[in-house]
Protein backbone atom coordinates (compact mmCIF):
# COMPACT_ATOMS: atom_id res chain seq x y z
CA MET A 1 0.00 0.00 0.00
CA LYS A 2 1.30 3.46 -0.84
CA LYS A 3 2.06 5.93 1.90
CA GLY A 4 -0.79 8.40 2.63
CA LYS A 5 -3.58 6.23 1.21
CA ILE A 6 -6.16 4.43 3.27
CA GLY A 7 -7.25 0.91 2.42
CA LYS A 8 -10.84 0.03 1.46
CA PRO A 9 -11.67 -1.80 4.72
CA ALA A 10 -10.44 1.11 6.82
CA ALA A 11 -12.30 3.63 4.63
CA CYS A 12 -15.53 1.62 4.95
CA ALA A 13 -15.14 1.38 8.72
CA ALA A 14 -14.50 5.13 8.99
CA ALA A 15 -17.54 5.91 6.82
CA ALA A 16 -19.75 3.59 8.88
CA LEU A 17 -18.55 5.19 12.13
CA LEU A 18 -19.27 8.68 10.79
CA PHE A 19 -22.73 7.56 9.64
CA LEU A 20 -23.54 6.07 13.04
CA CYS A 21 -22.38 9.19 14.85
CA ALA A 22 -24.42 11.44 12.56
CA CYS A 23 -27.52 9.31 13.11
CA GLU A 24 -27.24 9.28 16.89
CA GLU A 25 -30.44 10.73 18.27
CA VAL A 26 -30.15 13.06 21.22
CA SER A 27 -32.80 12.83 23.93
CA TYR A 28 -33.68 15.44 26.50
CA LYS A 29 -35.42 15.12 29.86
CA VAL A 30 -38.85 16.33 30.95
CA ASP A 31 -39.25 17.69 34.48
CA TYR A 32 -42.88 17.00 35.43
CA CYS A 33 -42.57 19.01 38.65
CA GLY A 34 -42.95 15.81 40.67
CA GLU A 35 -46.22 14.88 38.93
CA LYS A 36 -45.07 12.44 36.23
CA GLY A 37 -47.63 9.87 37.41
CA ALA A 38 -50.47 12.29 36.60
CA TYR A 39 -49.64 12.19 32.88
CA TYR A 40 -50.64 9.07 30.96
CA GLY A 41 -47.94 8.10 28.46
CA ALA A 42 -45.20 10.14 30.15
CA LYS A 43 -41.57 9.15 29.56
CA ASP A 44 -38.47 10.53 31.23
CA ALA A 45 -36.95 11.77 27.96
CA TYR A 46 -37.78 12.35 24.30
CA ARG A 47 -35.73 12.80 21.14
CA THR A 48 -35.30 16.28 19.69
CA GLY A 49 -38.09 16.91 17.18
CA GLU A 50 -40.29 14.09 18.51
CA THR A 51 -43.99 14.90 18.86
CA VAL A 52 -44.93 14.28 22.49
CA THR A 53 -48.56 13.43 23.30
CA LEU A 54 -49.65 13.18 26.92
CA TYR A 55 -53.03 12.76 28.62
CA TYR A 56 -54.04 14.31 31.92
CA ASP A 57 -57.22 12.90 33.43
CA LEU A 58 -57.01 13.83 37.12
CA ILE A 59 -59.75 16.42 36.73
CA GLY A 60 -61.90 18.04 39.41
CA THR A 61 -65.17 19.67 38.37
CA ASP A 62 -64.45 22.79 40.41
CA THR A 63 -60.92 23.38 39.10
CA ASP A 64 -59.44 25.11 36.07
CA TYR A 65 -56.27 23.59 34.59
CA SER A 66 -53.49 25.27 32.63
CA PHE A 67 -50.38 23.56 31.31
CA TYR A 68 -47.03 25.24 30.75
CA LEU A 69 -43.93 24.07 28.94
CA ASP A 70 -40.95 26.14 30.08
CA ASP A 71 -43.38 28.79 31.42
CA LYS A 72 -45.12 29.11 28.06
CA GLN A 73 -48.80 28.09 28.09
CA LEU A 74 -49.66 25.05 25.99
CA LYS A 75 -52.83 24.84 23.93
CA THR A 76 -54.72 21.71 24.97
CA ASP A 77 -57.56 19.63 23.60
CA TYR A 78 -60.07 17.77 25.74
CA GLU A 79 -61.91 14.50 25.34
CA PRO A 80 -64.21 13.25 28.12
CA GLU A 81 -62.80 9.69 28.00
CA LYS A 82 -59.14 10.80 27.91
CA GLY A 83 -59.05 14.13 29.72
CA TYR A 84 -56.75 16.93 28.62
CA ILE A 85 -54.58 16.16 25.61
CA LEU A 86 -51.21 17.89 25.52
CA LYS A 87 -49.05 17.88 22.41
CA PHE A 88 -45.72 19.53 21.76
CA VAL A 89 -42.57 18.98 19.74
CA MET A 90 -39.59 18.21 21.94
CA PRO A 91 -37.01 20.99 21.64
CA GLY A 92 -33.25 20.47 21.75
CA HIS A 93 -32.98 20.96 25.52
CA ASP A 94 -34.42 19.70 28.81
CA VAL A 95 -37.89 21.09 29.54
CA LYS A 96 -40.21 21.70 32.49
CA LEU A 97 -43.88 20.72 32.15
CA GLU A 98 -46.12 22.26 34.78
CA CYS A 99 -49.83 21.92 35.55
CA ARG A 100 -51.28 24.98 37.27
CA THR A 101 -54.67 24.69 38.91
CA GLU A 102 -57.19 27.19 40.21
CA ASN A 103 -60.17 26.30 42.34
CA THR A 104 -63.21 27.95 40.73
CA MET A 105 -65.63 27.31 43.61
CA TYR A 106 -63.74 28.74 46.58
CA HIS A 107 -62.68 32.39 46.59
CA PRO A 108 -61.51 33.48 50.06
CA GLU A 109 -61.55 37.16 49.03
CA LYS A 110 -65.31 36.88 48.40
CA ASP A 111 -66.19 34.88 51.56
CA GLY A 112 -68.50 36.80 53.83
CA GLU A 113 -69.47 39.42 51.23
CA ASP A 114 -73.10 38.26 51.17
CA GLU A 115 -73.50 38.48 54.96
């Protein structure tokens, strides 16, 4: 073999290694704020660009629910048999998913006003 040239087996191995490295999918974590069990279908991590679909069915009739991904409110759908449906595309970084609730029946600032 001449000096400075690479043999076919070595070239094939190098090309395969580069291909495998380029195809490696990077996953990022979801912080569910300690409530991972409340989300049906929740995984610890998702690949960048993956569409994430979660269901939240722990619903009280006197409570409003809002969902935030990295402090940005998510648009949700709702189906009676599944609950809230959350969908988002996983970005290229770890994220925080938060459920914020507000009781719509009890308002301490209004208690006693009718007396």
